[in-house]
Amino acid sequence: MSQSAQSLPRHATRTSPYADRVRSTRVSATSYEIRIDGEFRFLIEGDEQWPALWQLFAVINGVRSGKCLTLESEHFDVIEQLERGCFWMPAAKVAPAPHSSSLTRHRFPQYLPE
């Protein structure tokens, strides 16, 4: 089963310039294969228990590496990072993460000395 925009959360949009190059295929309930330009490059593995933690591993010559590249609470967060170019593009070409909302800062109240 391929990961599509419909299976991502409603708030997630595919705005990355590399999103069309990244394809995910669900292998099991806790595993996704990631292909970039048709080449098997990464594996996402998760837990069956809640809260699930999803780990990204590089795949070299069809063999999963032992080092975890990132750890996230949702598999689609890992996929979104890959779609922005993280872990496979030069740092200068990685697209910045979109901001989901504006930040409003409120000053702490100034207390009068007694």
Protein backbone atom coordinates (compact mmCIF):
# COMPACT_ATOMS: atom_id res chain seq x y z
CA MET A 1 0.00 0.00 0.00
CA SER A 2 1.55 3.29 -1.04
CA GLN A 3 1.52 6.32 1.19
CA SER A 4 -0.60 8.97 -0.47
CA ALA A 5 -1.66 12.49 0.40
CA GLN A 6 -5.08 11.12 1.39
CA SER A 7 -3.56 8.87 4.07
CA LEU A 8 -1.60 11.70 5.66
CA PRO A 9 -3.30 13.74 8.40
CA ARG A 10 -5.68 16.43 7.16
CA HIS A 11 -3.38 19.23 8.33
CA ALA A 12 -0.41 17.83 6.38
CA THR A 13 0.10 19.14 2.89
CA ARG A 14 2.70 18.02 0.40
CA THR A 15 4.45 21.28 -0.37
CA SER A 16 8.02 20.01 -0.50
CA PRO A 17 9.83 20.16 -3.82
CA TYR A 18 10.98 16.54 -3.27
CA ALA A 19 7.63 14.99 -2.27
CA ASP A 20 7.06 13.47 -5.71
CA ARG A 21 10.44 11.68 -5.51
CA VAL A 22 9.70 9.95 -2.17
CA ARG A 23 7.43 6.89 -2.06
CA SER A 24 6.52 4.88 1.02
CA THR A 25 5.14 1.36 1.00
CA ARG A 26 3.61 -0.20 4.08
CA VAL A 27 5.26 -3.59 4.61
CA SER A 28 3.55 -4.43 7.91
CA ALA A 29 1.70 -2.69 10.72
CA THR A 30 5.04 -1.47 12.07
CA SER A 31 7.23 -1.08 8.98
CA TYR A 32 7.45 1.12 5.86
CA GLU A 33 9.89 0.88 2.96
CA ILE A 34 10.96 4.25 1.56
CA ARG A 35 12.04 4.55 -2.06
CA ILE A 36 13.61 7.68 -3.48
CA ASP A 37 13.55 7.87 -7.27
CA GLY A 38 12.57 4.18 -7.25
CA GLU A 39 15.59 3.07 -5.21
CA PHE A 40 15.07 1.40 -1.79
CA ARG A 41 16.91 3.84 0.50
CA PHE A 42 15.27 3.87 3.95
CA LEU A 43 13.23 1.75 6.34
CA ILE A 44 10.86 3.10 8.98
CA GLU A 45 10.17 0.78 11.91
CA GLY A 46 7.71 1.39 14.73
CA ASP A 47 6.27 -0.18 17.87
CA GLU A 48 2.95 -1.96 18.28
CA GLN A 49 2.43 -0.48 21.72
CA TRP A 50 1.18 3.01 22.48
CA PRO A 51 2.77 5.47 22.26
CA ALA A 52 4.51 4.16 19.17
CA LEU A 53 7.98 5.41 18.39
CA TRP A 54 9.04 5.34 14.74
CA GLN A 55 12.71 4.99 13.82
CA LEU A 56 14.32 5.75 10.47
CA PHE A 57 17.16 3.54 9.24
CA ALA A 58 19.27 3.87 6.10
CA VAL A 59 19.30 0.91 3.71
CA ILE A 60 22.59 0.22 1.94
CA ASN A 61 22.69 -2.48 -0.76
CA GLY A 62 19.41 -3.87 0.58
CA VAL A 63 20.67 -4.16 4.17
CA ARG A 64 19.32 -2.02 7.01
CA SER A 65 21.97 -0.06 8.89
CA GLY A 66 22.17 -0.39 12.65
CA LYS A 67 22.14 3.33 13.40
CA CYS A 68 18.80 5.11 13.86
CA LEU A 69 18.76 8.42 11.97
CA THR A 70 15.72 9.92 13.69
CA LEU A 71 13.02 9.00 16.21
CA GLU A 72 9.48 10.38 15.92
CA SER A 73 6.08 9.66 17.46
CA GLU A 74 4.30 9.30 14.08
CA HIS A 75 5.44 7.62 10.87
CA PHE A 76 4.17 10.49 8.74
CA ASP A 77 6.50 12.89 10.60
CA VAL A 78 9.45 10.81 9.39
CA ILE A 79 8.05 10.72 5.84
CA GLU A 80 7.56 14.51 5.88
CA GLN A 81 11.21 15.01 6.83
CA LEU A 82 12.30 12.80 3.92
CA GLU A 83 10.00 14.71 1.55
CA ARG A 84 11.81 17.92 2.55
CA GLY A 85 15.16 16.30 1.70
CA CYS A 86 16.40 15.50 5.20
CA PHE A 87 18.91 12.62 5.42
CA TRP A 88 19.45 12.31 1.66
CA MET A 89 20.01 15.79 0.18
CA PRO A 90 22.89 18.21 0.89
CA ALA A 91 22.04 20.44 3.86
CA ALA A 92 21.79 23.54 1.65
CA LYS A 93 19.01 21.93 -0.42
CA VAL A 94 16.81 20.74 2.48
CA ALA A 95 13.49 22.58 2.43
CA PRO A 96 12.61 24.33 5.71
CA ALA A 97 9.82 22.90 7.81
CA PRO A 98 6.52 24.73 7.37
CA HIS A 99 5.20 26.69 10.32
CA SER A 100 1.79 25.44 11.36
CA SER A 101 0.70 28.52 13.28
CA SER A 102 1.87 31.92 14.35
CA LEU A 103 3.36 32.33 17.78
CA THR A 104 1.93 34.91 20.14
CA ARG A 105 4.08 35.97 23.05
CA HIS A 106 2.56 37.41 26.19
CA ARG A 107 4.69 39.24 28.69
CA PHE A 108 4.65 38.10 32.26
CA PRO A 109 2.84 40.59 34.49
CA GLN A 110 5.10 43.11 36.11
CA TYR A 111 4.60 42.97 39.86
CA LEU A 112 4.98 46.11 41.90
CA PRO A 113 7.48 45.95 44.73
CA GLU A 114 5.82 45.98 48.11
